[in-house]
């Protein structure tokens, strides 16, 4: 029998290079499609959050009167001193109380561990700056924005609030409160934007946070700690 002709020299390596190119090209297209999907999810989430909050964001002077200011927690230093971002929120809330825009301050923050207590530090700062104790209610389980909003409604029985936080966080906070059944308006603080790098870093974190909001709202999850109804806000409002 005649022998089988040998393949042309270099044919096998050429075929391998062709398959390798197709594989790399396919992976690149898959990665590009994945990145495109992620970008669409982020952009869509941000637009949804901002459009939901549109019309409910005010200045300190124009915000409607409400019975309760919901003040979101932020970092507290080891000595119990509020960080500049938290102090700015507390000062804004204090002014809203002083001018009659709100009657009670519900301060909500992280107290997951016994040696870290945002709500108590917030209360101490407010009392040092002239706010009566009877006007301050603490929520110790405001572990994130969703939990703070959900607990204000479901644990403390609040129905109408003025949300107090930094302006980069405000649309998400107001949107969540409204989605969870609160008649919420919001006032944002910009005074700490002078801390440029920290401000920008926090503003950038709002993009993935908006994606998380989509999940939180869609799932309707319970806060980490739900608990029984607490009458602190009702008692504070009755105290005058």
C-alpha atoms as a PDB file:
ATOM      1  CA  UNK A   1       0.000   0.000   0.000  1.00  0.00           C
ATOM      2  CA  UNK A   2       1.201   3.473  -0.704  1.00  0.00           C
ATOM      3  CA  UNK A   3       2.197   5.307   2.438  1.00  0.00           C
ATOM      4  CA  UNK A   4       0.005   8.177   3.747  1.00  0.00           C
ATOM      5  CA  UNK A   5       1.485  11.502   2.713  1.00  0.00           C
ATOM      6  CA  UNK A   6       2.947  13.479   5.563  1.00  0.00           C
ATOM      7  CA  UNK A   7       1.165  16.708   6.527  1.00  0.00           C
ATOM      8  CA  UNK A   8       2.729  19.903   5.376  1.00  0.00           C
ATOM      9  CA  UNK A   9       5.406  21.174   7.692  1.00  0.00           C
ATOM     10  CA  UNK A  10       3.955  23.710  10.179  1.00  0.00           C
ATOM     11  CA  UNK A  11       0.262  22.721   9.631  1.00  0.00           C
ATOM     12  CA  UNK A  12      -0.391  21.488  13.194  1.00  0.00           C
ATOM     13  CA  UNK A  13       1.126  24.535  14.910  1.00  0.00           C
ATOM     14  CA  UNK A  14      -0.933  26.780  12.588  1.00  0.00           C
ATOM     15  CA  UNK A  15      -4.145  24.987  13.562  1.00  0.00           C
ATOM     16  CA  UNK A  16      -3.263  25.312  17.255  1.00  0.00           C
ATOM     17  CA  UNK A  17      -2.622  29.010  16.871  1.00  0.00           C
ATOM     18  CA  UNK A  18      -5.978  29.405  15.119  1.00  0.00           C
ATOM     19  CA  UNK A  19      -7.851  27.639  17.962  1.00  0.00           C
ATOM     20  CA  UNK A  20      -5.946  29.599  20.557  1.00  0.00           C
ATOM     21  CA  UNK A  21      -6.899  32.853  18.827  1.00  0.00           C
ATOM     22  CA  UNK A  22     -10.559  31.796  18.696  1.00  0.00           C
ATOM     23  CA  UNK A  23     -10.477  30.887  22.393  1.00  0.00           C
ATOM     24  CA  UNK A  24      -8.890  34.186  23.416  1.00  0.00           C
ATOM     25  CA  UNK A  25     -11.291  36.107  21.199  1.00  0.00           C
ATOM     26  CA  UNK A  26     -14.271  34.253  22.690  1.00  0.00           C
ATOM     27  CA  UNK A  27     -13.122  34.896  26.247  1.00  0.00           C
ATOM     28  CA  UNK A  28     -12.546  38.571  25.463  1.00  0.00           C
ATOM     29  CA  UNK A  29     -16.061  38.875  24.013  1.00  0.00           C
ATOM     30  CA  UNK A  30     -17.512  37.110  27.053  1.00  0.00           C
ATOM     31  CA  UNK A  31     -15.622  39.422  29.412  1.00  0.00           C
ATOM     32  CA  UNK A  32     -16.774  42.476  27.456  1.00  0.00           C
ATOM     33  CA  UNK A  33     -20.388  41.285  27.582  1.00  0.00           C
ATOM     34  CA  UNK A  34     -20.091  40.695  31.320  1.00  0.00           C
ATOM     35  CA  UNK A  35     -18.599  44.126  31.908  1.00  0.00           C
ATOM     36  CA  UNK A  36     -21.315  45.704  29.791  1.00  0.00           C
ATOM     37  CA  UNK A  37     -23.991  43.934  31.867  1.00  0.00           C
ATOM     38  CA  UNK A  38     -22.413  45.080  35.119  1.00  0.00           C
ATOM     39  CA  UNK A  39     -22.238  48.676  33.895  1.00  0.00           C
ATOM     40  CA  UNK A  40     -25.880  48.545  32.798  1.00  0.00           C
ATOM     41  CA  UNK A  41     -26.873  47.188  36.208  1.00  0.00           C
ATOM     42  CA  UNK A  42     -24.976  49.931  38.038  1.00  0.00           C
ATOM     43  CA  UNK A  43     -26.244  52.751  35.818  1.00  0.00           C
ATOM     44  CA  UNK A  44     -29.813  51.445  35.925  1.00  0.00           C
ATOM     45  CA  UNK A  45     -29.727  51.106  39.715  1.00  0.00           C
ATOM     46  CA  UNK A  46     -28.335  54.609  40.216  1.00  0.00           C
ATOM     47  CA  UNK A  47     -30.931  56.145  37.870  1.00  0.00           C
ATOM     48  CA  UNK A  48     -33.735  54.262  39.618  1.00  0.00           C
ATOM     49  CA  UNK A  49     -32.594  55.434  43.058  1.00  0.00           C
ATOM     50  CA  UNK A  50     -32.206  59.057  41.990  1.00  0.00           C
ATOM     51  CA  UNK A  51     -35.497  59.209  40.097  1.00  0.00           C
ATOM     52  CA  UNK A  52     -37.328  57.682  43.074  1.00  0.00           C
ATOM     53  CA  UNK A  53     -35.903  60.357  45.379  1.00  0.00           C
ATOM     54  CA  UNK A  54     -36.511  63.190  42.918  1.00  0.00           C
ATOM     55  CA  UNK A  55     -38.863  65.811  44.331  1.00  0.00           C
ATOM     56  CA  UNK A  56     -38.224  64.785  47.932  1.00  0.00           C
ATOM     57  CA  UNK A  57     -34.815  66.405  48.510  1.00  0.00           C
ATOM     58  CA  UNK A  58     -34.766  69.833  50.134  1.00  0.00           C
ATOM     59  CA  UNK A  59     -32.560  72.440  51.665  1.00  0.00           C
ATOM     60  CA  UNK A  60     -32.516  73.040  55.397  1.00  0.00           C
ATOM     61  CA  UNK A  61     -34.734  76.087  54.891  1.00  0.00           C
ATOM     62  CA  UNK A  62     -37.311  74.562  52.514  1.00  0.00           C
ATOM     63  CA  UNK A  63     -37.787  71.079  53.955  1.00  0.00           C
ATOM     64  CA  UNK A  64     -41.378  70.518  55.155  1.00  0.00           C
ATOM     65  CA  UNK A  65     -42.125  70.193  58.847  1.00  0.00           C
ATOM     66  CA  UNK A  66     -42.134  66.578  60.069  1.00  0.00           C
ATOM     67  CA  UNK A  67     -42.481  65.020  63.513  1.00  0.00           C
ATOM     68  CA  UNK A  68     -39.215  63.053  63.364  1.00  0.00           C
ATOM     69  CA  UNK A  69     -35.720  63.515  61.974  1.00  0.00           C
ATOM     70  CA  UNK A  70     -34.088  60.198  61.149  1.00  0.00           C
ATOM     71  CA  UNK A  71     -30.352  60.665  61.629  1.00  0.00           C
ATOM     72  CA  UNK A  72     -28.124  57.982  60.096  1.00  0.00           C
ATOM     73  CA  UNK A  73     -25.070  56.829  62.007  1.00  0.00           C
ATOM     74  CA  UNK A  74     -21.474  56.973  60.812  1.00  0.00           C
ATOM     75  CA  UNK A  75     -18.018  56.350  62.244  1.00  0.00           C
ATOM     76  CA  UNK A  76     -17.373  56.975  65.924  1.00  0.00           C
ATOM     77  CA  UNK A  77     -13.778  57.094  67.183  1.00  0.00           C
ATOM     78  CA  UNK A  78     -12.484  54.882  69.988  1.00  0.00           C
ATOM     79  CA  UNK A  79     -12.894  57.679  72.555  1.00  0.00           C
ATOM     80  CA  UNK A  80     -16.593  58.042  71.665  1.00  0.00           C
ATOM     81  CA  UNK A  81     -16.141  61.171  69.568  1.00  0.00           C
ATOM     82  CA  UNK A  82     -18.224  61.330  66.385  1.00  0.00           C
ATOM     83  CA  UNK A  83     -16.269  61.569  63.152  1.00  0.00           C
ATOM     84  CA  UNK A  84     -16.597  64.869  61.243  1.00  0.00           C
ATOM     85  CA  UNK A  85     -19.168  63.307  58.907  1.00  0.00           C
ATOM     86  CA  UNK A  86     -21.344  62.142  61.785  1.00  0.00           C
ATOM     87  CA  UNK A  87     -20.891  65.395  63.686  1.00  0.00           C
ATOM     88  CA  UNK A  88     -22.101  67.318  60.625  1.00  0.00           C
ATOM     89  CA  UNK A  89     -25.251  65.173  60.476  1.00  0.00           C
ATOM     90  CA  UNK A  90     -25.909  65.743  64.157  1.00  0.00           C
ATOM     91  CA  UNK A  91     -25.413  69.487  63.874  1.00  0.00           C
ATOM     92  CA  UNK A  92     -27.852  69.641  60.960  1.00  0.00           C
ATOM     93  CA  UNK A  93     -30.414  67.641  62.936  1.00  0.00           C
ATOM     94  CA  UNK A  94     -29.909  69.892  65.959  1.00  0.00           C
ATOM     95  CA  UNK A  95     -30.649  72.966  63.845  1.00  0.00           C
ATOM     96  CA  UNK A  96     -33.790  71.353  62.402  1.00  0.00           C
ATOM     97  CA  UNK A  97     -35.008  70.702  65.941  1.00  0.00           C
ATOM     98  CA  UNK A  98     -34.095  74.212  67.077  1.00  0.00           C
ATOM     99  CA  UNK A  99     -36.003  75.857  64.209  1.00  0.00           C
ATOM    100  CA  UNK A 100     -39.103  73.716  64.704  1.00  0.00           C
ATOM    101  CA  UNK A 101     -38.711  71.704  61.501  1.00  0.00           C
ATOM    102  CA  UNK A 102     -38.833  68.484  63.570  1.00  0.00           C
ATOM    103  CA  UNK A 103     -39.865  67.573  67.107  1.00  0.00           C
ATOM    104  CA  UNK A 104     -37.862  64.419  67.846  1.00  0.00           C
ATOM    105  CA  UNK A 105     -34.502  63.031  66.726  1.00  0.00           C
ATOM    106  CA  UNK A 106     -34.314  59.285  66.034  1.00  0.00           C
ATOM    107  CA  UNK A 107     -30.591  58.493  65.922  1.00  0.00           C
ATOM    108  CA  UNK A 108     -29.858  55.151  64.307  1.00  0.00           C
ATOM    109  CA  UNK A 109     -26.513  53.413  64.117  1.00  0.00           C
ATOM    110  CA  UNK A 110     -24.335  50.405  64.731  1.00  0.00           C
ATOM    111  CA  UNK A 111     -24.082  48.806  68.161  1.00  0.00           C
ATOM    112  CA  UNK A 112     -23.262  45.300  66.977  1.00  0.00           C
ATOM    113  CA  UNK A 113     -20.465  45.019  69.550  1.00  0.00           C
ATOM    114  CA  UNK A 114     -20.501  46.196  73.149  1.00  0.00           C
ATOM    115  CA  UNK A 115     -17.401  48.354  72.672  1.00  0.00           C
ATOM    116  CA  UNK A 116     -18.758  50.234  69.646  1.00  0.00           C
ATOM    117  CA  UNK A 117     -21.934  52.272  70.094  1.00  0.00           C
ATOM    118  CA  UNK A 118     -22.854  54.887  67.509  1.00  0.00           C
ATOM    119  CA  UNK A 119     -26.336  55.798  68.878  1.00  0.00           C
ATOM    120  CA  UNK A 120     -25.061  56.508  72.385  1.00  0.00           C
ATOM    121  CA  UNK A 121     -22.221  58.649  71.024  1.00  0.00           C
ATOM    122  CA  UNK A 122     -24.765  60.527  68.904  1.00  0.00           C
ATOM    123  CA  UNK A 123     -27.005  61.112  71.916  1.00  0.00           C
ATOM    124  CA  UNK A 124     -24.066  62.309  74.036  1.00  0.00           C
ATOM    125  CA  UNK A 125     -22.990  64.822  71.358  1.00  0.00           C
ATOM    126  CA  UNK A 126     -26.524  66.175  70.994  1.00  0.00           C
ATOM    127  CA  UNK A 127     -26.980  66.577  74.737  1.00  0.00           C
ATOM    128  CA  UNK A 128     -23.612  68.364  74.993  1.00  0.00           C
ATOM    129  CA  UNK A 129     -24.931  70.787  72.372  1.00  0.00           C
ATOM    130  CA  UNK A 130     -28.155  71.611  74.147  1.00  0.00           C
ATOM    131  CA  UNK A 131     -30.647  69.009  72.916  1.00  0.00           C
ATOM    132  CA  UNK A 132     -32.844  67.690  75.764  1.00  0.00           C
ATOM    133  CA  UNK A 133     -32.574  63.968  76.409  1.00  0.00           C
ATOM    134  CA  UNK A 134     -36.349  63.588  76.051  1.00  0.00           C
ATOM    135  CA  UNK A 135     -36.055  64.672  72.407  1.00  0.00           C
ATOM    136  CA  UNK A 136     -33.582  61.900  71.498  1.00  0.00           C
ATOM    137  CA  UNK A 137     -34.482  58.283  70.710  1.00  0.00           C
ATOM    138  CA  UNK A 138     -31.820  55.697  70.011  1.00  0.00           C
ATOM    139  CA  UNK A 139     -31.994  52.806  67.544  1.00  0.00           C
ATOM    140  CA  UNK A 140     -29.131  50.437  68.281  1.00  0.00           C
ATOM    141  CA  UNK A 141     -29.619  48.182  65.236  1.00  0.00           C
ATOM    142  CA  UNK A 142     -29.244  50.550  62.288  1.00  0.00           C
ATOM    143  CA  UNK A 143     -26.547  48.408  60.714  1.00  0.00           C
ATOM    144  CA  UNK A 144     -27.098  49.764  57.221  1.00  0.00           C
ATOM    145  CA  UNK A 145     -29.384  52.171  55.396  1.00  0.00           C
ATOM    146  CA  UNK A 146     -32.034  49.536  54.717  1.00  0.00           C
ATOM    147  CA  UNK A 147     -32.157  48.386  58.336  1.00  0.00           C
ATOM    148  CA  UNK A 148     -32.425  51.952  59.629  1.00  0.00           C
ATOM    149  CA  UNK A 149     -35.353  52.755  57.336  1.00  0.00           C
ATOM    150  CA  UNK A 150     -37.130  49.461  57.935  1.00  0.00           C
ATOM    151  CA  UNK A 151     -36.808  49.670  61.711  1.00  0.00           C
ATOM    152  CA  UNK A 152     -37.994  53.277  61.811  1.00  0.00           C
ATOM    153  CA  UNK A 153     -41.245  52.083  60.256  1.00  0.00           C
ATOM    154  CA  UNK A 154     -41.688  48.593  61.670  1.00  0.00           C
ATOM    155  CA  UNK A 155     -40.145  48.895  65.142  1.00  0.00           C
ATOM    156  CA  UNK A 156     -40.592  52.563  66.086  1.00  0.00           C
ATOM    157  CA  UNK A 157     -43.882  53.122  64.257  1.00  0.00           C
ATOM    158  CA  UNK A 158     -42.690  56.228  62.414  1.00  0.00           C
ATOM    159  CA  UNK A 159     -44.762  57.269  59.399  1.00  0.00           C
ATOM    160  CA  UNK A 160     -43.279  60.646  58.428  1.00  0.00           C
ATOM    161  CA  UNK A 161     -39.615  61.616  58.637  1.00  0.00           C
ATOM    162  CA  UNK A 162     -36.991  64.070  57.561  1.00  0.00           C
ATOM    163  CA  UNK A 163     -33.905  62.086  56.589  1.00  0.00           C
ATOM    164  CA  UNK A 164     -30.600  63.622  57.689  1.00  0.00           C
ATOM    165  CA  UNK A 165     -27.303  62.478  56.181  1.00  0.00           C
ATOM    166  CA  UNK A 166     -24.634  63.625  53.724  1.00  0.00           C
ATOM    167  CA  UNK A 167     -25.894  64.720  50.313  1.00  0.00           C
ATOM    168  CA  UNK A 168     -24.143  61.888  48.421  1.00  0.00           C
ATOM    169  CA  UNK A 169     -26.062  59.364  50.569  1.00  0.00           C
ATOM    170  CA  UNK A 170     -29.358  61.256  50.653  1.00  0.00           C
ATOM    171  CA  UNK A 171     -31.103  59.985  47.471  1.00  0.00           C
ATOM    172  CA  UNK A 172     -30.575  56.349  48.465  1.00  0.00           C
ATOM    173  CA  UNK A 173     -31.708  56.932  52.036  1.00  0.00           C
ATOM    174  CA  UNK A 174     -34.828  58.857  51.021  1.00  0.00           C
ATOM    175  CA  UNK A 175     -35.686  56.372  48.292  1.00  0.00           C
ATOM    176  CA  UNK A 176     -35.395  53.430  50.693  1.00  0.00           C
ATOM    177  CA  UNK A 177     -37.507  55.107  53.362  1.00  0.00           C
ATOM    178  CA  UNK A 178     -40.225  55.861  50.831  1.00  0.00           C
ATOM    179  CA  UNK A 179     -40.151  52.350  49.368  1.00  0.00           C
ATOM    180  CA  UNK A 180     -40.529  50.949  52.874  1.00  0.00           C
ATOM    181  CA  UNK A 181     -43.663  52.959  53.605  1.00  0.00           C
ATOM    182  CA  UNK A 182     -42.403  56.189  55.157  1.00  0.00           C
ATOM    183  CA  UNK A 183     -43.445  59.636  53.993  1.00  0.00           C
ATOM    184  CA  UNK A 184     -39.843  60.806  53.747  1.00  0.00           C
ATOM    185  CA  UNK A 185     -38.180  64.029  52.716  1.00  0.00           C
ATOM    186  CA  UNK A 186     -34.464  64.620  53.024  1.00  0.00           C
ATOM    187  CA  UNK A 187     -31.886  67.272  53.860  1.00  0.00           C
ATOM    188  CA  UNK A 188     -28.252  66.659  52.960  1.00  0.00           C
ATOM    189  CA  UNK A 189     -25.088  68.014  54.527  1.00  0.00           C
ATOM    190  CA  UNK A 190     -22.293  69.291  52.290  1.00  0.00           C
ATOM    191  CA  UNK A 191     -20.140  70.964  54.946  1.00  0.00           C
ATOM    192  CA  UNK A 192     -17.666  68.080  55.108  1.00  0.00           C
ATOM    193  CA  UNK A 193     -17.039  68.020  51.355  1.00  0.00           C
ATOM    194  CA  UNK A 194     -13.828  69.867  52.295  1.00  0.00           C
ATOM    195  CA  UNK A 195     -12.462  66.412  53.209  1.00  0.00           C
ATOM    196  CA  UNK A 196     -12.116  65.834  49.492  1.00  0.00           C
ATOM    197  CA  UNK A 197     -10.612  62.356  49.337  1.00  0.00           C
ATOM    198  CA  UNK A 198     -12.978  60.857  51.918  1.00  0.00           C
ATOM    199  CA  UNK A 199     -15.974  62.596  50.359  1.00  0.00           C
ATOM    200  CA  UNK A 200     -15.121  61.265  46.898  1.00  0.00           C
ATOM    201  CA  UNK A 201     -14.485  57.757  48.196  1.00  0.00           C
ATOM    202  CA  UNK A 202     -17.874  57.692  49.907  1.00  0.00           C
ATOM    203  CA  UNK A 203     -19.573  59.111  46.827  1.00  0.00           C
ATOM    204  CA  UNK A 204     -18.026  56.349  44.692  1.00  0.00           C
ATOM    205  CA  UNK A 205     -19.292  53.701  47.101  1.00  0.00           C
ATOM    206  CA  UNK A 206     -22.831  54.852  46.380  1.00  0.00           C
ATOM    207  CA  UNK A 207     -22.681  53.147  42.969  1.00  0.00           C
ATOM    208  CA  UNK A 208     -22.405  49.542  44.235  1.00  0.00           C
ATOM    209  CA  UNK A 209     -24.650  50.488  47.179  1.00  0.00           C
ATOM    210  CA  UNK A 210     -27.403  51.378  44.724  1.00  0.00           C
ATOM    211  CA  UNK A 211     -27.119  47.897  43.221  1.00  0.00           C
ATOM    212  CA  UNK A 212     -27.538  46.395  46.707  1.00  0.00           C
ATOM    213  CA  UNK A 213     -30.630  48.545  47.163  1.00  0.00           C
ATOM    214  CA  UNK A 214     -32.238  46.835  44.166  1.00  0.00           C
ATOM    215  CA  UNK A 215     -31.770  43.480  45.874  1.00  0.00           C
ATOM    216  CA  UNK A 216     -32.958  44.755  49.259  1.00  0.00           C
ATOM    217  CA  UNK A 217     -36.144  46.258  47.856  1.00  0.00           C
ATOM    218  CA  UNK A 218     -36.856  43.332  45.530  1.00  0.00           C
ATOM    219  CA  UNK A 219     -36.342  40.755  48.287  1.00  0.00           C
ATOM    220  CA  UNK A 220     -38.212  42.731  50.941  1.00  0.00           C
ATOM    221  CA  UNK A 221     -35.851  41.262  53.496  1.00  0.00           C
ATOM    222  CA  UNK A 222     -36.256  41.811  57.212  1.00  0.00           C
ATOM    223  CA  UNK A 223     -33.646  43.921  58.984  1.00  0.00           C
ATOM    224  CA  UNK A 224     -30.951  41.999  60.840  1.00  0.00           C
ATOM    225  CA  UNK A 225     -32.804  42.626  64.110  1.00  0.00           C
ATOM    226  CA  UNK A 226     -36.513  43.301  63.888  1.00  0.00           C
ATOM    227  CA  UNK A 227     -37.755  42.923  67.446  1.00  0.00           C
ATOM    228  CA  UNK A 228     -40.901  44.148  69.153  1.00  0.00           C
ATOM    229  CA  UNK A 229     -42.518  47.545  68.788  1.00  0.00           C
ATOM    230  CA  UNK A 230     -40.703  50.261  70.738  1.00  0.00           C
ATOM    231  CA  UNK A 231     -42.579  53.308  72.021  1.00  0.00           C
ATOM    232  CA  UNK A 232     -39.596  55.648  72.315  1.00  0.00           C
ATOM    233  CA  UNK A 233     -40.644  57.961  69.478  1.00  0.00           C
ATOM    234  CA  UNK A 234     -44.270  58.062  70.602  1.00  0.00           C
ATOM    235  CA  UNK A 235     -43.221  58.859  74.166  1.00  0.00           C
ATOM    236  CA  UNK A 236     -40.849  61.602  72.980  1.00  0.00           C
ATOM    237  CA  UNK A 237     -43.549  63.212  70.843  1.00  0.00           C
ATOM    238  CA  UNK A 238     -45.984  63.162  73.765  1.00  0.00           C
ATOM    239  CA  UNK A 239     -43.417  64.794  76.039  1.00  0.00           C
ATOM    240  CA  UNK A 240     -43.680  68.019  74.038  1.00  0.00           C
END
